[in-house]
Every structure is written in C-alpha cells, then in structure tokens.
C-alpha cells in the first residue's frame, strides 16, 4: 500500500505536535503524577484576573469541614435513613393485608 507524500508529511507534523503536547503536560503534571507534590500546591496563576477571593475564611472552613467528614466514612449525615424508615412502614402495611 502506497501513501502519498502529502499524507506522510501531515502524519509526521501531527505526530510532532502530539509529542510536543505530551512533553508540555509532563512538564506541568509529572511532579504530581510521581507524587513529588500535591495538585493543590501550585504556583500562582499568571493568567488569573485576580487573586482576591471573597469570603476566603468561610470557604476554608467549609473545605476543612468537608475534609473532616470525608475521612470518617462511618459517620455520615445523609437523610437516607428517613427514607428507609418510610419504606419499611410501607412494607409493613402490605404484610397486614
């Protein structure tokens, strides 16, 4: 099977672009992938419009509360228990008939 010279050159060009992209992402993300740093420990964003965040103290408190709940999987605060009780009552009604 013969491939035209144009397609060969385009394939090489796009392959080059793909490898450049891989190396670019590796430069930015490789320390995170290898565990050398955490993803949230990054340098300042040069493209950020503003570094000021309103209610930063409240946001940090909410994040810390969430993180604390996430590390204790047995202690959840969902409302599924109420739904389960109602389902049990419905099952009991069917048994009475």
Protein backbone atom coordinates (compact mmCIF):
# COMPACT_ATOMS: atom_id res chain seq x y z
CA UNK A 1 0.00 0.00 0.00
CA UNK A 2 1.41 3.32 -1.03
CA UNK A 3 0.78 6.56 0.87
CA UNK A 4 1.09 9.93 -0.78
CA UNK A 5 3.90 12.26 0.22
CA UNK A 6 1.39 14.85 1.48
CA UNK A 7 -0.21 12.38 3.89
CA UNK A 8 3.19 11.23 5.12
CA UNK A 9 4.29 14.81 5.85
CA UNK A 10 0.96 15.64 7.55
CA UNK A 11 1.28 12.50 9.68
CA UNK A 12 4.76 13.48 10.77
CA UNK A 13 3.66 17.05 11.53
CA UNK A 14 0.68 15.97 13.64
CA UNK A 15 2.80 13.33 15.37
CA UNK A 16 5.31 16.05 16.24
CA UNK A 17 2.53 18.24 17.65
CA UNK A 18 1.22 15.33 19.74
CA UNK A 19 4.65 14.67 21.24
CA UNK A 20 5.13 18.37 21.99
CA UNK A 21 1.79 18.28 23.83
CA UNK A 22 2.84 15.19 25.81
CA UNK A 23 6.10 16.85 26.88
CA UNK A 24 4.29 20.07 27.78
CA UNK A 25 1.81 18.20 30.01
CA UNK A 26 4.65 16.19 31.55
CA UNK A 27 6.49 19.39 32.40
CA UNK A 28 3.40 20.68 34.23
CA UNK A 29 1.95 17.50 35.73
CA UNK A 30 4.79 15.00 36.14
CA UNK A 31 5.67 16.05 39.72
CA UNK A 32 2.05 15.45 40.70
CA UNK A 33 1.88 12.10 38.90
CA UNK A 34 5.11 10.94 40.57
CA UNK A 35 3.89 12.15 43.98
CA UNK A 36 6.53 14.82 44.43
CA UNK A 37 3.89 17.46 45.18
CA UNK A 38 0.15 17.73 45.69
CA UNK A 39 -2.03 19.10 42.87
CA UNK A 40 -3.27 21.98 45.00
CA UNK A 41 0.29 23.10 45.82
CA UNK A 42 0.95 25.05 42.67
CA UNK A 43 2.50 28.33 41.73
CA UNK A 44 0.48 31.46 41.25
CA UNK A 45 -1.59 31.52 38.10
CA UNK A 46 -0.17 34.17 35.74
CA UNK A 47 -3.46 34.28 33.84
CA UNK A 48 -5.66 34.81 36.90
CA UNK A 49 -7.65 38.04 36.73
CA UNK A 50 -7.47 38.50 40.47
CA UNK A 51 -6.00 36.63 43.40
CA UNK A 52 -8.58 38.11 45.77
CA UNK A 53 -11.34 35.72 46.84
CA UNK A 54 -14.28 36.98 48.83
CA UNK A 55 -15.19 35.02 51.97
CA UNK A 56 -11.93 33.06 51.88
CA UNK A 57 -12.17 32.29 55.60
CA UNK A 58 -15.65 30.82 55.18
CA UNK A 59 -14.58 28.81 52.13
CA UNK A 60 -11.57 27.41 54.01
CA UNK A 61 -13.81 26.47 56.96
CA UNK A 62 -16.28 24.71 54.64
CA UNK A 63 -13.43 22.85 52.96
CA UNK A 64 -11.94 21.80 56.31
CA UNK A 65 -15.39 20.60 57.50
CA UNK A 66 -15.83 18.59 54.30
CA UNK A 67 -12.35 17.08 54.58
CA UNK A 68 -13.02 16.12 58.21
CA UNK A 69 -16.27 14.36 57.26
CA UNK A 70 -14.60 12.65 54.30
CA UNK A 71 -12.00 10.91 56.49
CA UNK A 72 -14.70 9.39 58.73
CA UNK A 73 -16.75 7.20 56.36
CA UNK A 74 -18.83 5.58 59.11
CA UNK A 75 -20.24 8.85 60.35
CA UNK A 76 -22.36 10.24 57.55
CA UNK A 77 -25.04 12.85 57.76
CA UNK A 78 -27.26 11.88 54.86
CA UNK A 79 -31.03 11.74 55.03
CA UNK A 80 -31.38 8.26 53.58
CA UNK A 81 -32.28 6.80 56.97
CA UNK A 82 -35.59 8.69 56.94
CA UNK A 83 -36.41 7.29 53.52
CA UNK A 84 -35.57 3.76 54.69
CA UNK A 85 -37.97 4.02 57.63
CA UNK A 86 -40.79 5.12 55.34
CA UNK A 87 -40.06 2.20 53.02
CA UNK A 88 -40.19 -0.19 55.98
CA UNK A 89 -43.55 1.22 57.03
CA UNK A 90 -44.87 0.68 53.50
CA UNK A 91 -43.66 -2.92 53.61
CA UNK A 92 -45.40 -3.44 56.97
CA UNK A 93 -48.68 -2.14 55.52
CA UNK A 94 -48.52 -4.72 52.76
CA UNK A 95 -47.91 -7.52 55.27
CA UNK A 96 -51.01 -6.51 57.31
CA UNK A 97 -53.34 -7.08 54.38
